[in-house]
N, C-alpha and C. Protein backbone atom coordinates (compact mmCIF):
# COMPACT_ATOMS: atom_id res chain seq x y z
N MET A 1 -89.81 12.84 -52.63
CA MET A 1 -90.26 13.33 -54.03
C MET A 1 -88.90 13.94 -54.77
N PRO A 2 -88.76 13.68 -55.98
CA PRO A 2 -87.66 14.12 -56.52
C PRO A 2 -87.76 15.67 -56.80
N ILE A 3 -86.49 16.47 -56.54
CA ILE A 3 -86.66 17.93 -56.57
C ILE A 3 -87.12 18.45 -57.81
N LYS A 4 -87.00 17.77 -59.06
CA LYS A 4 -87.45 18.21 -60.24
C LYS A 4 -89.11 18.40 -60.20
N GLU A 5 -89.60 17.90 -59.30
CA GLU A 5 -91.16 17.88 -59.19
C GLU A 5 -91.59 19.18 -58.75
N ILE A 6 -90.58 19.71 -57.87
CA ILE A 6 -91.00 21.14 -57.40
C ILE A 6 -90.24 22.19 -57.77
N SER A 7 -89.45 22.03 -58.58
CA SER A 7 -88.72 23.11 -59.08
C SER A 7 -89.47 23.83 -60.33
N ASN A 8 -89.07 25.16 -60.68
CA ASN A 8 -89.59 25.80 -61.62
C ASN A 8 -88.74 25.79 -62.83
N ASP A 9 -89.43 26.60 -63.80
CA ASP A 9 -88.51 26.72 -65.07
C ASP A 9 -87.47 27.90 -64.80
N PRO A 10 -86.24 27.71 -65.09
CA PRO A 10 -85.19 28.63 -64.92
C PRO A 10 -85.14 29.94 -65.81
N VAL A 11 -85.10 30.87 -65.41
CA VAL A 11 -84.65 32.09 -66.24
C VAL A 11 -83.09 32.24 -66.25
N THR A 12 -82.74 32.29 -67.38
CA THR A 12 -81.21 32.34 -67.64
C THR A 12 -80.49 33.60 -68.13
N ALA A 13 -79.54 33.67 -67.79
CA ALA A 13 -78.60 34.96 -68.50
C ALA A 13 -77.13 34.22 -68.62
N THR A 14 -76.34 35.18 -69.39
CA THR A 14 -74.82 34.61 -69.47
C THR A 14 -73.99 35.72 -68.64
N GLU A 15 -72.73 35.26 -68.47
CA GLU A 15 -71.68 36.28 -67.68
C GLU A 15 -71.52 37.50 -68.45
N ASP A 16 -71.75 37.54 -69.69
CA ASP A 16 -71.38 38.87 -70.28
C ASP A 16 -72.51 39.86 -70.55
N GLU A 17 -73.84 39.57 -70.19
CA GLU A 17 -74.73 40.47 -70.25
C GLU A 17 -74.67 41.50 -69.09
N PRO A 18 -75.42 42.65 -69.76
CA PRO A 18 -75.43 43.89 -68.85
C PRO A 18 -76.35 43.62 -67.68
N VAL A 19 -75.83 44.12 -66.44
CA VAL A 19 -76.75 43.89 -65.34
C VAL A 19 -78.16 44.58 -65.53
N SER A 20 -78.18 45.60 -66.17
CA SER A 20 -79.42 46.38 -66.27
C SER A 20 -80.47 45.45 -67.26
N ASP A 21 -79.78 44.75 -68.18
CA ASP A 21 -80.68 43.87 -68.85
C ASP A 21 -81.09 42.68 -68.16
N CYS A 22 -80.57 42.23 -67.17
CA CYS A 22 -80.74 41.17 -66.12
C CYS A 22 -81.99 41.64 -65.33
N ALA A 23 -81.89 42.80 -64.69
CA ALA A 23 -82.80 43.44 -64.07
C ALA A 23 -84.22 43.33 -64.79
N GLU A 24 -84.00 43.91 -65.77
CA GLU A 24 -85.27 44.02 -66.56
C GLU A 24 -85.98 42.62 -66.88
N ARG A 25 -85.09 41.67 -67.27
CA ARG A 25 -85.64 40.34 -67.36
C ARG A 25 -86.24 39.89 -66.12
N MET A 26 -85.86 40.00 -64.99
CA MET A 26 -86.16 39.74 -63.69
C MET A 26 -87.39 40.11 -63.70
N ASP A 27 -87.66 41.58 -63.72
CA ASP A 27 -88.97 42.24 -63.73
C ASP A 27 -89.93 41.71 -64.34
N GLN A 28 -89.63 41.36 -65.88
CA GLN A 28 -90.57 40.96 -66.67
C GLN A 28 -91.16 39.61 -66.45
N LYS A 29 -90.03 38.86 -65.92
CA LYS A 29 -90.63 37.17 -65.62
C LYS A 29 -90.98 37.09 -64.21
N ASP A 30 -91.01 38.18 -63.24
CA ASP A 30 -91.39 38.38 -61.91
C ASP A 30 -90.62 37.18 -61.26
N VAL A 31 -89.15 37.31 -61.15
CA VAL A 31 -88.59 36.41 -60.58
C VAL A 31 -87.21 37.25 -59.73
N GLY A 32 -86.65 36.37 -58.62
CA GLY A 32 -85.75 37.21 -57.93
C GLY A 32 -84.18 36.67 -58.09
N SER A 33 -84.23 35.81 -59.27
CA SER A 33 -82.84 35.36 -59.57
C SER A 33 -82.86 34.75 -60.92
N LEU A 34 -81.55 34.79 -61.46
CA LEU A 34 -81.45 34.18 -62.75
C LEU A 34 -80.15 33.30 -62.64
N VAL A 35 -80.53 32.25 -63.22
CA VAL A 35 -79.23 31.24 -63.36
C VAL A 35 -78.37 31.62 -64.67
N ILE A 36 -77.25 31.87 -63.93
CA ILE A 36 -75.98 32.15 -65.24
C ILE A 36 -75.72 30.91 -65.89
N GLU A 37 -75.51 31.10 -67.24
CA GLU A 37 -75.09 29.56 -67.71
C GLU A 37 -74.21 29.91 -68.75
N ASP A 38 -73.39 28.77 -69.51
CA ASP A 38 -72.63 28.88 -70.47
C ASP A 38 -72.55 27.59 -71.13
N SER A 39 -73.29 27.64 -72.30
CA SER A 39 -73.39 26.46 -73.04
C SER A 39 -74.28 25.39 -72.10
N GLY A 40 -75.23 25.81 -71.52
CA GLY A 40 -76.15 25.03 -70.77
C GLY A 40 -75.88 24.64 -69.44
N THR A 41 -74.43 24.87 -68.93
CA THR A 41 -73.85 24.61 -67.59
C THR A 41 -74.03 25.93 -66.69
N VAL A 42 -74.52 25.48 -65.79
CA VAL A 42 -74.50 26.67 -64.69
C VAL A 42 -73.02 27.17 -64.14
N THR A 43 -72.92 28.41 -64.16
CA THR A 43 -71.56 29.04 -64.00
C THR A 43 -72.10 29.92 -62.59
N GLY A 44 -73.10 30.14 -62.50
CA GLY A 44 -73.51 31.06 -61.02
C GLY A 44 -74.73 31.49 -61.00
N VAL A 45 -75.19 32.19 -60.28
CA VAL A 45 -76.55 32.76 -59.90
C VAL A 45 -76.54 34.25 -59.54
N LEU A 46 -77.45 35.00 -60.17
CA LEU A 46 -77.40 36.52 -60.11
C LEU A 46 -78.94 36.87 -59.33
N THR A 47 -78.81 37.55 -58.03
CA THR A 47 -80.12 37.79 -57.47
C THR A 47 -80.49 39.18 -57.40
N ASP A 48 -81.87 39.36 -57.29
CA ASP A 48 -82.15 40.73 -57.01
C ASP A 48 -81.32 41.60 -55.96
N ARG A 49 -81.08 40.90 -54.68
CA ARG A 49 -80.28 41.43 -53.85
C ARG A 49 -79.00 41.77 -54.28
N GLN A 50 -78.15 41.21 -54.90
CA GLN A 50 -76.90 41.56 -55.55
C GLN A 50 -77.02 42.68 -56.44
N ILE A 51 -78.13 42.75 -57.41
CA ILE A 51 -78.40 43.97 -58.14
C ILE A 51 -78.62 45.05 -57.30
N ALA A 52 -79.37 45.09 -56.27
CA ALA A 52 -79.74 46.15 -55.37
C ALA A 52 -78.47 46.80 -54.74
N LEU A 53 -77.50 45.94 -54.34
CA LEU A 53 -76.39 46.30 -53.67
C LEU A 53 -75.45 47.05 -54.65
N ALA A 54 -75.38 46.32 -55.84
CA ALA A 54 -74.53 46.99 -56.76
C ALA A 54 -75.16 48.38 -57.16
N VAL A 55 -76.55 48.51 -57.16
CA VAL A 55 -77.12 49.88 -57.51
C VAL A 55 -76.58 50.75 -56.49
N ALA A 56 -76.60 50.40 -55.26
CA ALA A 56 -76.26 51.36 -54.07
C ALA A 56 -74.74 51.78 -54.01
N GLU A 57 -73.98 50.79 -54.26
CA GLU A 57 -72.44 50.96 -54.32
C GLU A 57 -72.21 51.92 -55.43
N ARG A 58 -72.75 51.84 -56.39
CA ARG A 58 -72.46 52.76 -57.67
C ARG A 58 -73.33 54.02 -57.94
N ASP A 59 -74.10 54.39 -56.79
CA ASP A 59 -74.87 55.31 -56.72
C ASP A 59 -75.93 55.30 -57.95
N GLY A 60 -76.70 54.17 -58.28
CA GLY A 60 -77.65 53.98 -59.34
C GLY A 60 -77.03 53.78 -60.71
N ASP A 61 -75.75 53.71 -60.76
CA ASP A 61 -75.26 53.84 -62.28
C ASP A 61 -74.77 52.32 -62.62
N LEU A 62 -75.42 51.60 -63.34
CA LEU A 62 -75.16 50.20 -63.73
C LEU A 62 -74.42 50.06 -64.86
N SER A 63 -74.38 51.19 -65.70
CA SER A 63 -73.75 51.11 -67.05
C SER A 63 -72.50 50.44 -67.05
N GLY A 64 -72.31 49.38 -67.86
CA GLY A 64 -70.99 48.96 -68.06
C GLY A 64 -70.62 47.74 -67.04
N ILE A 65 -71.63 47.50 -66.08
CA ILE A 65 -71.39 46.40 -65.36
C ILE A 65 -72.07 45.21 -65.95
N THR A 66 -71.22 44.13 -65.94
CA THR A 66 -71.73 42.82 -66.53
C THR A 66 -72.07 41.84 -65.23
N THR A 67 -73.04 40.94 -65.62
CA THR A 67 -73.48 39.78 -64.50
C THR A 67 -72.30 39.30 -63.87
N GLU A 68 -71.14 38.99 -64.66
CA GLU A 68 -70.09 38.20 -64.05
C GLU A 68 -69.44 39.15 -62.87
N GLU A 69 -69.48 40.38 -62.87
CA GLU A 69 -69.06 41.18 -61.86
C GLU A 69 -69.66 41.16 -60.71
N ILE A 70 -70.89 40.72 -60.56
CA ILE A 70 -71.44 40.68 -59.18
C ILE A 70 -72.24 39.32 -59.02
N MET A 71 -72.15 38.44 -59.89
CA MET A 71 -72.97 37.26 -59.49
C MET A 71 -72.38 36.37 -58.49
N THR A 72 -72.90 35.38 -58.11
CA THR A 72 -72.25 34.23 -57.05
C THR A 72 -71.70 33.40 -58.17
N GLU A 73 -70.35 33.08 -57.98
CA GLU A 73 -69.80 32.01 -59.00
C GLU A 73 -69.88 30.66 -58.21
N ARG A 74 -69.67 29.69 -59.16
CA ARG A 74 -69.60 28.48 -58.61
C ARG A 74 -71.05 27.98 -57.72
N ALA A 75 -72.00 28.18 -58.21
CA ALA A 75 -73.32 27.99 -57.66
C ALA A 75 -73.42 26.71 -57.21
N VAL A 76 -74.03 26.38 -56.04
CA VAL A 76 -74.35 24.99 -55.47
C VAL A 76 -75.54 24.50 -56.42
N THR A 77 -75.56 23.32 -57.05
CA THR A 77 -76.65 22.75 -57.66
C THR A 77 -77.21 21.53 -56.93
N LEU A 78 -78.32 21.28 -57.47
CA LEU A 78 -79.00 19.94 -56.99
C LEU A 78 -79.31 19.04 -58.31
N GLN A 79 -79.06 17.90 -58.32
CA GLN A 79 -79.38 16.92 -59.25
C GLN A 79 -80.79 16.74 -59.32
N GLU A 80 -81.51 16.64 -60.54
CA GLU A 80 -82.86 16.58 -60.76
C GLU A 80 -83.57 15.43 -59.89
N ASP A 81 -83.04 14.44 -59.60
CA ASP A 81 -83.46 13.08 -58.96
C ASP A 81 -83.12 13.22 -57.53
N ASP A 82 -82.50 14.43 -57.03
CA ASP A 82 -82.35 14.44 -55.66
C ASP A 82 -83.62 14.63 -54.87
N ASP A 83 -83.89 14.08 -53.66
CA ASP A 83 -84.97 14.00 -52.87
C ASP A 83 -85.19 15.54 -52.46
N SER A 84 -86.55 15.86 -52.30
CA SER A 84 -86.70 17.36 -51.95
C SER A 84 -86.18 17.69 -50.55
N LEU A 85 -85.89 16.65 -49.62
CA LEU A 85 -85.18 17.14 -48.46
C LEU A 85 -83.88 17.59 -48.70
N ALA A 86 -83.22 16.89 -49.73
CA ALA A 86 -81.94 17.53 -49.90
C ALA A 86 -81.94 18.98 -50.27
N ALA A 87 -83.00 19.69 -50.79
CA ALA A 87 -82.97 21.27 -51.03
C ALA A 87 -82.89 21.77 -49.57
N ALA A 88 -83.83 21.51 -48.87
CA ALA A 88 -83.82 22.33 -47.51
C ALA A 88 -82.46 22.08 -46.91
N ARG A 89 -81.77 20.75 -46.68
CA ARG A 89 -80.40 20.58 -45.93
C ARG A 89 -79.57 21.38 -46.75
N THR A 90 -79.35 21.24 -48.10
CA THR A 90 -78.27 22.13 -48.67
C THR A 90 -78.47 23.72 -48.71
N MET A 91 -79.77 24.13 -48.67
CA MET A 91 -79.98 25.62 -48.44
C MET A 91 -79.49 26.00 -47.08
N ALA A 92 -79.79 25.15 -46.00
CA ALA A 92 -79.19 25.56 -44.70
C ALA A 92 -77.71 25.36 -44.59
N GLU A 93 -77.21 24.25 -45.09
CA GLU A 93 -75.57 24.26 -45.19
C GLU A 93 -74.96 25.30 -45.82
N GLU A 94 -75.27 25.76 -46.99
CA GLU A 94 -74.84 26.82 -47.88
C GLU A 94 -75.21 28.15 -47.77
N GLY A 95 -76.38 28.41 -47.02
CA GLY A 95 -76.75 29.78 -46.48
C GLY A 95 -77.34 30.38 -47.89
N VAL A 96 -78.13 29.70 -48.84
CA VAL A 96 -78.91 29.99 -50.15
C VAL A 96 -80.24 29.89 -49.84
N ARG A 97 -81.14 30.67 -50.73
CA ARG A 97 -82.28 30.47 -50.72
C ARG A 97 -83.00 30.10 -52.24
N ARG A 98 -82.10 30.14 -52.95
CA ARG A 98 -82.35 29.33 -54.38
C ARG A 98 -81.31 28.67 -54.70
N ILE A 99 -81.65 27.45 -55.63
CA ILE A 99 -80.48 26.66 -56.08
C ILE A 99 -80.86 26.02 -57.39
N PRO A 100 -80.12 26.29 -58.51
CA PRO A 100 -80.22 25.53 -59.70
C PRO A 100 -80.47 24.13 -59.75
N VAL A 101 -81.18 23.43 -60.48
CA VAL A 101 -81.44 22.03 -60.58
C VAL A 101 -80.74 21.46 -61.95
N VAL A 102 -79.87 20.55 -61.97
CA VAL A 102 -79.47 20.25 -63.20
C VAL A 102 -79.66 18.72 -63.42
N ASP A 103 -79.46 18.44 -64.70
CA ASP A 103 -79.79 16.93 -65.14
C ASP A 103 -78.40 16.25 -64.97
N SER A 104 -78.21 15.01 -65.24
CA SER A 104 -77.18 14.05 -65.35
C SER A 104 -75.88 14.61 -66.19
N SER A 105 -76.21 15.54 -67.17
CA SER A 105 -75.01 16.12 -68.05
C SER A 105 -74.81 17.50 -67.51
N ASP A 106 -75.38 17.89 -66.26
CA ASP A 106 -75.19 19.10 -65.60
C ASP A 106 -75.69 20.41 -66.41
N SER A 107 -76.81 20.09 -67.32
CA SER A 107 -77.37 21.06 -67.84
C SER A 107 -78.62 21.58 -66.96
N VAL A 108 -78.91 22.85 -66.86
CA VAL A 108 -79.95 23.41 -65.84
C VAL A 108 -81.24 22.97 -66.61
N VAL A 109 -82.20 22.49 -65.60
CA VAL A 109 -83.37 22.14 -66.00
C VAL A 109 -84.55 22.64 -65.25
N GLY A 110 -84.13 23.36 -64.06
CA GLY A 110 -84.94 24.09 -63.00
C GLY A 110 -84.14 24.88 -62.18
N ILE A 111 -85.04 25.40 -61.24
CA ILE A 111 -84.55 26.21 -59.99
C ILE A 111 -85.52 26.14 -59.02
N VAL A 112 -85.06 25.73 -57.66
CA VAL A 112 -85.93 25.46 -56.52
C VAL A 112 -85.54 26.48 -55.60
N SER A 113 -86.78 27.15 -54.74
CA SER A 113 -86.43 28.07 -53.80
C SER A 113 -86.96 27.67 -52.64
N LEU A 114 -86.51 28.44 -51.58
CA LEU A 114 -87.05 28.23 -50.20
C LEU A 114 -88.45 28.23 -50.20
N ASP A 115 -89.06 28.95 -50.91
CA ASP A 115 -90.53 29.24 -50.95
C ASP A 115 -91.16 27.79 -51.53
N ASP A 116 -90.38 27.15 -52.37
CA ASP A 116 -90.83 25.97 -52.90
C ASP A 116 -90.92 24.85 -51.87
N VAL A 117 -89.64 24.93 -51.14
CA VAL A 117 -89.67 23.78 -49.98
C VAL A 117 -90.52 23.83 -48.89
N ILE A 118 -90.74 25.33 -48.65
CA ILE A 118 -91.84 25.69 -47.43
C ILE A 118 -93.19 25.30 -48.00
N SER A 119 -93.57 25.48 -49.16
CA SER A 119 -94.81 24.89 -49.63
C SER A 119 -94.89 23.49 -49.69
N LEU A 120 -94.05 22.90 -50.12
CA LEU A 120 -93.97 21.29 -50.05
C LEU A 120 -94.02 20.78 -48.62
N THR A 121 -93.51 21.63 -47.65
CA THR A 121 -93.61 21.00 -46.20
C THR A 121 -94.76 21.11 -45.82
N GLY A 122 -95.53 22.41 -46.18
CA GLY A 122 -96.81 22.64 -45.76
C GLY A 122 -97.97 21.71 -46.06
N GLU A 123 -97.66 21.12 -47.41
CA GLU A 123 -98.55 20.22 -48.08
C GLU A 123 -98.51 19.06 -47.14
N GLN A 124 -97.24 18.49 -46.97
CA GLN A 124 -96.78 17.34 -46.20
C GLN A 124 -97.36 17.51 -44.90
N LEU A 125 -97.30 18.46 -44.13
CA LEU A 125 -97.98 18.54 -42.71
C LEU A 125 -99.48 18.44 -42.85
N GLU A 126 -99.97 19.18 -43.80
CA GLU A 126 -101.64 19.09 -44.05
C GLU A 126 -101.94 17.76 -44.21
N ASN A 127 -101.19 16.81 -44.88
CA ASN A 127 -101.40 15.44 -45.34
C ASN A 127 -101.26 14.71 -43.92
N ALA A 128 -100.42 14.86 -43.09
CA ALA A 128 -100.18 14.24 -41.76
C ALA A 128 -101.23 14.58 -40.82
N ALA A 129 -101.70 15.88 -40.76
CA ALA A 129 -102.94 16.18 -39.94
C ALA A 129 -104.08 15.50 -40.28
N THR A 130 -104.44 15.47 -41.66
CA THR A 130 -105.41 14.53 -42.16
C THR A 130 -105.68 13.12 -41.49
N VAL A 131 -104.55 12.43 -41.57
CA VAL A 131 -104.34 11.11 -41.06
C VAL A 131 -104.58 11.15 -39.71
N ILE A 132 -103.86 12.14 -38.97
CA ILE A 132 -104.19 12.17 -37.43
C ILE A 132 -105.79 12.18 -37.17
N GLU A 133 -106.34 13.18 -37.69
CA GLU A 133 -107.68 13.62 -37.71
C GLU A 133 -108.40 12.33 -37.86
N LYS A 134 -108.08 11.63 -39.02
CA LYS A 134 -109.02 10.32 -39.28
C LYS A 134 -108.83 9.06 -38.34
N GLN A 135 -107.63 9.06 -37.77
CA GLN A 135 -107.30 7.82 -36.87
C GLN A 135 -107.57 8.28 -35.41
N SER A 136 -107.95 9.49 -35.32
CA SER A 136 -108.05 9.86 -33.82
C SER A 136 -109.56 10.69 -33.50
N PRO A 137 -110.69 9.76 -33.58
CA PRO A 137 -111.78 10.34 -33.65
C PRO A 137 -111.95 11.54 -32.26
N GLY A 138 -112.69 12.71 -32.64
CA GLY A 138 -112.59 13.49 -31.23
C GLY A 138 -111.50 14.39 -31.11
N TYR A 139 -110.39 14.22 -31.87
CA TYR A 139 -109.05 14.96 -31.64
C TYR A 139 -109.38 16.40 -32.17
N GLN A 140 -108.90 17.32 -31.22
CA GLN A 140 -109.21 18.69 -31.71
C GLN A 140 -107.77 19.58 -31.43
N PRO A 141 -107.09 20.10 -32.40
CA PRO A 141 -105.92 20.76 -32.19
C PRO A 141 -105.90 22.07 -31.23
């Protein structure tokens, strides 16, 4: 299954935005990360964890702090037609929980999270269990 099918609409920001504005947007949109872009191209990712660490480091004062100062630069991306298995493999290799999805021109078209991958895996396991139950009368887990 192409990764685009399980990705979510991205919530974006730019590198020069105040981190406090980004935190407010995350709260309003109920997301844990923002895709940072410049002219549609992914330049990084900002997570709620990075904001929390910045708050702790600066004794709660985020005034004057821009997204660029705390975001992850050169974010790993997936192509929208990559197989969904690529997401799990890439997350494990890179140690990330969220990956922006881009089209052939590298414009952001979505974001996929570890939760999305786990949900898809659960659906696939449920389908496999259904086949086993149908083909094995009397089978009891």
